[in-house]
N, C-alpha and C. Protein backbone atom coordinates (compact mmCIF):
# COMPACT_ATOMS: atom_id res chain seq x y z
N MET A 1 0.82 -1.18 0.00
CA MET A 1 0.00 0.00 0.00
C MET A 1 0.87 1.26 0.00
N ILE A 2 1.89 1.31 0.85
CA ILE A 2 2.75 2.49 0.92
C ILE A 2 3.47 2.72 -0.40
N ASP A 3 3.94 1.65 -1.03
CA ASP A 3 4.62 1.81 -2.32
C ASP A 3 3.69 2.40 -3.37
N ASN A 4 2.42 1.96 -3.39
CA ASN A 4 1.45 2.53 -4.32
C ASN A 4 1.24 4.02 -4.07
N LEU A 5 1.13 4.37 -2.80
CA LEU A 5 0.95 5.79 -2.46
C LEU A 5 2.16 6.62 -2.88
N LYS A 6 3.35 6.10 -2.64
CA LYS A 6 4.57 6.82 -3.02
C LYS A 6 4.62 7.05 -4.52
N THR A 7 4.24 6.04 -5.30
CA THR A 7 4.22 6.17 -6.75
C THR A 7 3.25 7.25 -7.19
N LEU A 8 2.05 7.24 -6.61
CA LEU A 8 1.05 8.25 -6.97
C LEU A 8 1.47 9.65 -6.54
N LEU A 9 2.07 9.76 -5.38
CA LEU A 9 2.53 11.06 -4.91
C LEU A 9 3.61 11.63 -5.82
N THR A 10 4.51 10.77 -6.28
CA THR A 10 5.57 11.20 -7.19
C THR A 10 4.97 11.62 -8.54
N ARG A 11 3.97 10.87 -9.01
CA ARG A 11 3.30 11.24 -10.26
C ARG A 11 2.56 12.57 -10.13
N ALA A 12 1.99 12.82 -8.95
CA ALA A 12 1.24 14.06 -8.74
C ALA A 12 2.16 15.28 -8.77
N ASN A 13 3.35 15.16 -8.18
CA ASN A 13 4.32 16.25 -8.21
C ASN A 13 5.66 15.73 -7.71
N ALA A 14 6.59 15.57 -8.63
CA ALA A 14 7.91 15.02 -8.27
C ALA A 14 8.78 16.02 -7.52
N GLY A 15 8.33 17.25 -7.37
CA GLY A 15 9.11 18.25 -6.66
C GLY A 15 9.07 18.13 -5.15
N TYR A 16 8.26 17.22 -4.65
CA TYR A 16 8.16 17.00 -3.21
C TYR A 16 8.93 15.73 -2.84
N VAL A 17 9.71 15.79 -1.79
CA VAL A 17 10.47 14.65 -1.29
C VAL A 17 9.55 13.86 -0.36
N ILE A 18 9.52 12.55 -0.51
CA ILE A 18 8.67 11.71 0.33
C ILE A 18 9.48 11.20 1.51
N GLU A 19 8.99 11.48 2.71
CA GLU A 19 9.65 11.08 3.95
C GLU A 19 8.78 10.08 4.69
N GLN A 20 9.41 9.10 5.33
CA GLN A 20 8.67 8.14 6.14
C GLN A 20 9.38 7.85 7.45
N ASP A 21 10.34 8.68 7.79
CA ASP A 21 11.09 8.45 9.02
C ASP A 21 10.19 8.62 10.24
N GLU A 22 10.59 7.99 11.31
CA GLU A 22 9.90 8.18 12.58
C GLU A 22 10.02 9.64 12.99
N ASN A 23 9.10 10.11 13.81
CA ASN A 23 9.10 11.51 14.23
C ASN A 23 10.44 11.95 14.80
N GLU A 24 11.08 11.09 15.59
CA GLU A 24 12.36 11.46 16.18
C GLU A 24 13.40 11.75 15.11
N MET A 25 13.41 10.93 14.08
CA MET A 25 14.37 11.13 13.00
C MET A 25 14.03 12.39 12.21
N MET A 26 12.75 12.66 12.01
CA MET A 26 12.36 13.85 11.27
C MET A 26 12.80 15.11 12.01
N LYS A 27 12.72 15.10 13.33
CA LYS A 27 13.14 16.27 14.10
C LYS A 27 14.62 16.55 13.91
N ILE A 28 15.40 15.49 13.78
CA ILE A 28 16.83 15.65 13.55
C ILE A 28 17.08 16.12 12.12
N ARG A 29 16.40 15.50 11.15
CA ARG A 29 16.63 15.81 9.75
C ARG A 29 16.17 17.20 9.37
N GLU A 30 15.09 17.70 10.01
CA GLU A 30 14.55 19.00 9.62
C GLU A 30 15.57 20.11 9.79
N ASN A 31 16.53 19.92 10.68
CA ASN A 31 17.56 20.94 10.86
C ASN A 31 18.39 21.12 9.60
N ASN A 32 18.39 20.11 8.73
CA ASN A 32 19.15 20.18 7.48
C ASN A 32 18.30 20.60 6.29
N PHE A 33 16.99 20.79 6.49
CA PHE A 33 16.12 21.18 5.38
C PHE A 33 16.37 22.64 5.03
N ALA A 34 16.51 22.91 3.76
CA ALA A 34 16.70 24.28 3.29
C ALA A 34 15.35 25.00 3.24
N ASN A 35 15.42 26.32 3.25
CA ASN A 35 14.20 27.10 3.08
C ASN A 35 13.58 26.76 1.75
N GLY A 36 12.25 26.63 1.73
CA GLY A 36 11.55 26.24 0.52
C GLY A 36 11.50 24.75 0.30
N HIS A 37 12.11 23.97 1.20
CA HIS A 37 12.08 22.51 1.07
C HIS A 37 10.63 22.02 1.13
N ARG A 38 10.24 21.21 0.15
CA ARG A 38 8.89 20.66 0.08
C ARG A 38 8.99 19.16 0.34
N TYR A 39 8.17 18.70 1.27
CA TYR A 39 8.20 17.27 1.55
C TYR A 39 6.83 16.75 1.92
N ILE A 40 6.68 15.45 1.77
CA ILE A 40 5.46 14.72 2.12
C ILE A 40 5.85 13.72 3.19
N TYR A 41 5.09 13.71 4.26
CA TYR A 41 5.31 12.75 5.32
C TYR A 41 4.11 11.83 5.41
N ILE A 42 4.32 10.53 5.18
CA ILE A 42 3.25 9.54 5.29
C ILE A 42 3.28 8.99 6.70
N GLU A 43 2.26 9.32 7.46
CA GLU A 43 2.16 8.88 8.85
C GLU A 43 1.83 7.39 8.89
N GLU A 44 2.49 6.67 9.77
CA GLU A 44 2.16 5.26 9.98
C GLU A 44 0.74 5.18 10.51
N TYR A 45 -0.11 4.37 9.85
CA TYR A 45 -1.52 4.38 10.28
C TYR A 45 -1.71 3.67 11.61
N LYS A 46 -2.63 4.24 12.41
CA LYS A 46 -2.84 3.78 13.78
C LYS A 46 -4.25 3.29 14.03
N GLN A 47 -5.15 3.53 13.10
CA GLN A 47 -6.53 3.11 13.32
C GLN A 47 -7.20 2.77 12.00
N GLY A 48 -8.34 2.13 12.09
CA GLY A 48 -9.11 1.75 10.94
C GLY A 48 -10.23 0.83 11.39
N HIS A 49 -10.73 0.03 10.46
CA HIS A 49 -11.76 -0.94 10.83
C HIS A 49 -11.78 -2.10 9.83
N TYR A 50 -12.38 -3.21 10.27
CA TYR A 50 -12.63 -4.37 9.42
C TYR A 50 -14.12 -4.40 9.13
N SER A 51 -14.47 -4.88 7.94
CA SER A 51 -15.89 -4.99 7.58
C SER A 51 -16.07 -6.09 6.54
N TYR A 52 -17.28 -6.60 6.46
CA TYR A 52 -17.65 -7.53 5.40
C TYR A 52 -18.48 -6.77 4.38
N GLU A 53 -18.06 -6.85 3.12
CA GLU A 53 -18.79 -6.23 2.03
C GLU A 53 -18.83 -7.23 0.89
N SER A 54 -20.04 -7.59 0.44
CA SER A 54 -20.20 -8.57 -0.64
C SER A 54 -19.43 -9.84 -0.35
N PHE A 55 -19.57 -10.35 0.86
CA PHE A 55 -18.93 -11.59 1.31
C PHE A 55 -17.40 -11.52 1.29
N ARG A 56 -16.85 -10.34 1.33
CA ARG A 56 -15.40 -10.15 1.39
C ARG A 56 -15.04 -9.43 2.68
N LEU A 57 -13.96 -9.87 3.27
CA LEU A 57 -13.45 -9.17 4.44
C LEU A 57 -12.56 -8.05 3.97
N ARG A 58 -12.80 -6.87 4.48
CA ARG A 58 -12.03 -5.69 4.11
C ARG A 58 -11.37 -5.08 5.33
N LYS A 59 -10.15 -4.63 5.11
CA LYS A 59 -9.41 -3.88 6.13
C LYS A 59 -9.32 -2.45 5.61
N THR A 60 -9.75 -1.51 6.41
CA THR A 60 -9.79 -0.11 5.98
C THR A 60 -9.04 0.76 6.99
N PRO A 61 -7.75 1.00 6.76
CA PRO A 61 -7.02 1.91 7.65
C PRO A 61 -7.33 3.37 7.30
N VAL A 62 -7.21 4.21 8.30
CA VAL A 62 -7.33 5.66 8.10
C VAL A 62 -5.90 6.18 7.90
N LEU A 63 -5.67 6.77 6.73
CA LEU A 63 -4.33 7.27 6.40
C LEU A 63 -4.25 8.77 6.58
N GLU A 64 -3.07 9.22 7.00
CA GLU A 64 -2.79 10.64 7.13
C GLU A 64 -1.50 10.95 6.38
N ILE A 65 -1.60 11.90 5.46
CA ILE A 65 -0.45 12.32 4.69
C ILE A 65 -0.28 13.83 4.89
N TYR A 66 0.95 14.22 5.25
CA TYR A 66 1.26 15.62 5.51
C TYR A 66 2.04 16.18 4.33
N PHE A 67 1.57 17.29 3.77
CA PHE A 67 2.23 17.99 2.68
C PHE A 67 2.78 19.29 3.25
N SER A 68 4.09 19.42 3.31
CA SER A 68 4.70 20.54 4.04
C SER A 68 5.72 21.30 3.21
N VAL A 69 5.86 22.57 3.58
CA VAL A 69 6.86 23.46 2.98
C VAL A 69 7.50 24.25 4.12
N PHE A 70 8.83 24.36 4.08
CA PHE A 70 9.55 25.20 5.03
C PHE A 70 9.75 26.56 4.40
N SER A 71 9.31 27.60 5.09
CA SER A 71 9.46 28.96 4.58
C SER A 71 10.73 29.59 5.15
N GLU A 72 11.10 30.72 4.58
CA GLU A 72 12.34 31.39 5.00
C GLU A 72 12.23 32.01 6.38
N ASN A 73 11.13 32.65 6.67
CA ASN A 73 10.96 33.38 7.93
C ASN A 73 9.59 33.05 8.51
N LYS A 74 9.37 33.58 9.70
CA LYS A 74 8.02 33.48 10.24
C LYS A 74 7.08 34.19 9.28
N GLN A 75 5.91 33.60 9.09
CA GLN A 75 4.95 34.18 8.16
C GLN A 75 3.73 34.69 8.91
N THR A 76 3.03 35.62 8.27
CA THR A 76 1.76 36.08 8.81
C THR A 76 0.70 35.03 8.51
N ALA A 77 -0.45 35.16 9.13
CA ALA A 77 -1.56 34.23 8.87
C ALA A 77 -1.94 34.25 7.39
N GLU A 78 -1.93 35.42 6.77
CA GLU A 78 -2.28 35.53 5.35
C GLU A 78 -1.24 34.81 4.47
N GLU A 79 0.03 34.98 4.81
CA GLU A 79 1.09 34.31 4.03
C GLU A 79 1.00 32.79 4.18
N ARG A 80 0.70 32.31 5.39
CA ARG A 80 0.54 30.86 5.59
C ARG A 80 -0.65 30.33 4.79
N GLU A 81 -1.73 31.08 4.77
CA GLU A 81 -2.90 30.66 4.00
C GLU A 81 -2.59 30.59 2.51
N LEU A 82 -1.86 31.57 1.99
CA LEU A 82 -1.45 31.53 0.58
C LEU A 82 -0.55 30.32 0.30
N GLN A 83 0.36 30.01 1.23
CA GLN A 83 1.22 28.84 1.07
C GLN A 83 0.40 27.56 1.06
N ARG A 84 -0.60 27.46 1.95
CA ARG A 84 -1.46 26.27 1.97
C ARG A 84 -2.22 26.11 0.65
N GLU A 85 -2.74 27.22 0.13
CA GLU A 85 -3.45 27.17 -1.15
C GLU A 85 -2.52 26.73 -2.27
N GLN A 86 -1.30 27.22 -2.26
CA GLN A 86 -0.33 26.80 -3.28
C GLN A 86 -0.04 25.31 -3.14
N THR A 87 0.15 24.82 -1.93
CA THR A 87 0.40 23.40 -1.68
C THR A 87 -0.77 22.55 -2.16
N GLU A 88 -1.98 23.00 -1.87
CA GLU A 88 -3.16 22.26 -2.33
C GLU A 88 -3.19 22.16 -3.85
N ASN A 89 -2.90 23.27 -4.53
CA ASN A 89 -2.91 23.27 -6.00
C ASN A 89 -1.77 22.47 -6.60
N GLU A 90 -0.60 22.50 -5.96
CA GLU A 90 0.59 21.81 -6.49
C GLU A 90 0.54 20.29 -6.31
N ILE A 91 0.04 19.82 -5.16
CA ILE A 91 0.19 18.40 -4.85
C ILE A 91 -1.07 17.75 -4.29
N VAL A 92 -1.80 18.40 -3.40
CA VAL A 92 -2.93 17.75 -2.74
C VAL A 92 -4.04 17.41 -3.75
N ILE A 93 -4.48 18.39 -4.51
CA ILE A 93 -5.57 18.15 -5.47
C ILE A 93 -5.14 17.21 -6.59
N PRO A 94 -3.94 17.37 -7.19
CA PRO A 94 -3.51 16.38 -8.20
C PRO A 94 -3.44 14.95 -7.63
N PHE A 95 -3.00 14.80 -6.38
CA PHE A 95 -2.94 13.48 -5.75
C PHE A 95 -4.34 12.89 -5.59
N ILE A 96 -5.29 13.68 -5.11
CA ILE A 96 -6.67 13.20 -4.96
C ILE A 96 -7.24 12.78 -6.31
N LYS A 97 -7.00 13.56 -7.34
CA LYS A 97 -7.50 13.21 -8.67
C LYS A 97 -6.91 11.89 -9.16
N LEU A 98 -5.62 11.67 -8.92
CA LEU A 98 -5.00 10.40 -9.31
C LEU A 98 -5.62 9.23 -8.55
N LEU A 99 -5.86 9.39 -7.27
CA LEU A 99 -6.49 8.34 -6.47
C LEU A 99 -7.86 7.99 -7.01
N ASN A 100 -8.63 9.00 -7.34
CA ASN A 100 -9.99 8.76 -7.83
C ASN A 100 -10.01 8.13 -9.21
N ASP A 101 -8.94 8.26 -9.98
CA ASP A 101 -8.86 7.64 -11.30
C ASP A 101 -8.60 6.14 -11.22
N LEU A 102 -8.13 5.67 -10.08
CA LEU A 102 -7.84 4.25 -9.93
C LEU A 102 -9.12 3.45 -9.71
N THR A 103 -9.16 2.27 -10.27
CA THR A 103 -10.34 1.42 -10.06
C THR A 103 -10.34 0.79 -8.68
N LEU A 104 -9.20 0.80 -7.99
CA LEU A 104 -9.11 0.22 -6.66
C LEU A 104 -9.83 1.05 -5.60
N TRP A 105 -10.06 2.30 -5.92
CA TRP A 105 -10.67 3.19 -4.93
C TRP A 105 -12.16 3.26 -5.15
N SER A 106 -12.91 3.20 -4.07
CA SER A 106 -14.36 3.22 -4.13
C SER A 106 -14.87 4.63 -4.42
N GLU A 107 -16.09 4.67 -4.97
CA GLU A 107 -16.75 5.96 -5.19
C GLU A 107 -17.06 6.62 -3.85
N GLY A 108 -17.11 7.90 -3.85
CA GLY A 108 -17.56 8.64 -2.68
C GLY A 108 -16.58 8.68 -1.52
N ILE A 109 -15.29 8.60 -1.79
CA ILE A 109 -14.31 8.71 -0.72
C ILE A 109 -14.34 10.14 -0.19
N GLU A 110 -14.34 10.26 1.10
CA GLU A 110 -14.29 11.58 1.72
C GLU A 110 -12.85 11.86 2.13
N TYR A 111 -12.33 12.95 1.63
CA TYR A 111 -10.98 13.39 1.99
C TYR A 111 -11.12 14.55 2.96
N ARG A 112 -10.59 14.39 4.14
CA ARG A 112 -10.63 15.45 5.13
C ARG A 112 -9.27 16.16 5.15
N PHE A 113 -9.28 17.45 5.32
CA PHE A 113 -8.01 18.18 5.40
C PHE A 113 -7.94 18.93 6.71
N PHE A 114 -6.73 19.13 7.17
CA PHE A 114 -6.44 19.85 8.40
C PHE A 114 -5.24 20.74 8.15
N HIS A 115 -5.16 21.81 8.90
CA HIS A 115 -3.99 22.69 8.86
C HIS A 115 -3.35 22.63 10.24
N PRO A 116 -2.54 21.59 10.47
CA PRO A 116 -1.95 21.41 11.80
C PRO A 116 -0.89 22.47 12.10
N LEU A 117 -0.66 22.64 13.39
CA LEU A 117 0.43 23.51 13.81
C LEU A 117 1.76 22.90 13.36
N PRO A 118 2.80 23.70 13.22
CA PRO A 118 4.10 23.14 12.82
C PRO A 118 4.54 22.02 13.75
N ARG A 119 5.07 20.94 13.16
CA ARG A 119 5.50 19.78 13.94
C ARG A 119 7.00 19.78 14.19
N PHE A 120 7.76 20.25 13.22
CA PHE A 120 9.20 20.11 13.29
C PHE A 120 9.94 21.44 13.32
N ASP A 121 9.28 22.52 12.88
CA ASP A 121 9.95 23.81 12.80
C ASP A 121 8.88 24.89 12.75
N GLU A 122 9.11 26.01 13.39
CA GLU A 122 8.09 27.06 13.43
C GLU A 122 7.81 27.66 12.06
N ASN A 123 8.70 27.46 11.08
CA ASN A 123 8.51 28.00 9.74
C ASN A 123 7.88 26.99 8.78
N GLU A 124 7.37 25.91 9.31
CA GLU A 124 6.75 24.86 8.50
C GLU A 124 5.26 25.18 8.30
N VAL A 125 4.78 25.06 7.05
CA VAL A 125 3.37 25.25 6.71
C VAL A 125 2.89 23.93 6.11
N THR A 126 1.79 23.39 6.67
CA THR A 126 1.38 22.03 6.32
C THR A 126 -0.12 21.94 6.02
N VAL A 127 -0.42 21.08 5.04
CA VAL A 127 -1.79 20.62 4.80
C VAL A 127 -1.78 19.13 5.05
N MET A 128 -2.63 18.67 5.99
CA MET A 128 -2.72 17.23 6.27
C MET A 128 -3.99 16.69 5.62
N LEU A 129 -3.84 15.61 4.88
CA LEU A 129 -4.95 14.96 4.21
C LEU A 129 -5.22 13.63 4.91
N GLN A 130 -6.49 13.39 5.24
CA GLN A 130 -6.87 12.15 5.93
C GLN A 130 -7.98 11.47 5.13
N PHE A 131 -7.83 10.15 4.91
CA PHE A 131 -8.84 9.40 4.16
C PHE A 131 -8.73 7.93 4.51
N GLU A 132 -9.76 7.18 4.11
CA GLU A 132 -9.78 5.73 4.36
C GLU A 132 -9.37 5.00 3.10
N TYR A 133 -8.54 3.98 3.26
CA TYR A 133 -8.04 3.17 2.15
C TYR A 133 -8.64 1.78 2.29
N LYS A 134 -9.62 1.45 1.44
CA LYS A 134 -10.26 0.14 1.51
C LYS A 134 -9.38 -0.89 0.82
N ASN A 135 -9.20 -2.03 1.50
CA ASN A 135 -8.29 -3.05 1.05
C ASN A 135 -8.90 -4.42 1.29
N ASP A 136 -9.14 -5.20 0.23
CA ASP A 136 -9.68 -6.54 0.40
C ASP A 136 -8.63 -7.45 1.03
N ILE A 137 -9.06 -8.23 2.03
CA ILE A 137 -8.17 -9.21 2.67
C ILE A 137 -8.33 -10.57 1.99
N CYS A 138 -9.58 -10.98 1.79
CA CYS A 138 -9.83 -12.26 1.10
C CYS A 138 -11.17 -12.23 0.43
């Protein structure tokens, strides 16, 4: 599943670096990120549910993907909002469109977005995308 997501994310915009390190490692690595560094962090999923649909057992984890940019300086609320809109146009929306083009994804997926506080650096601006990934087990 993660490999499929990485492929789609790269197709959506190859200008973003995909990170999967544990939070502790990301805190160390962020010190080396240059201003303007764009990265995607795929959070290890922690919750989901099992269900039977059409006599098939399905595992549906809730995925969270963070799309982030490091800015040069502290930004105003307006500048952060403009950065979020740019991030959505550059990577979030193209990624969602690619997901919906796949036959593996069900109709009517709800994509939730959040604008979390900076996790690794005060100059980080992030859009977090949360959605369910339905996966047949048998």
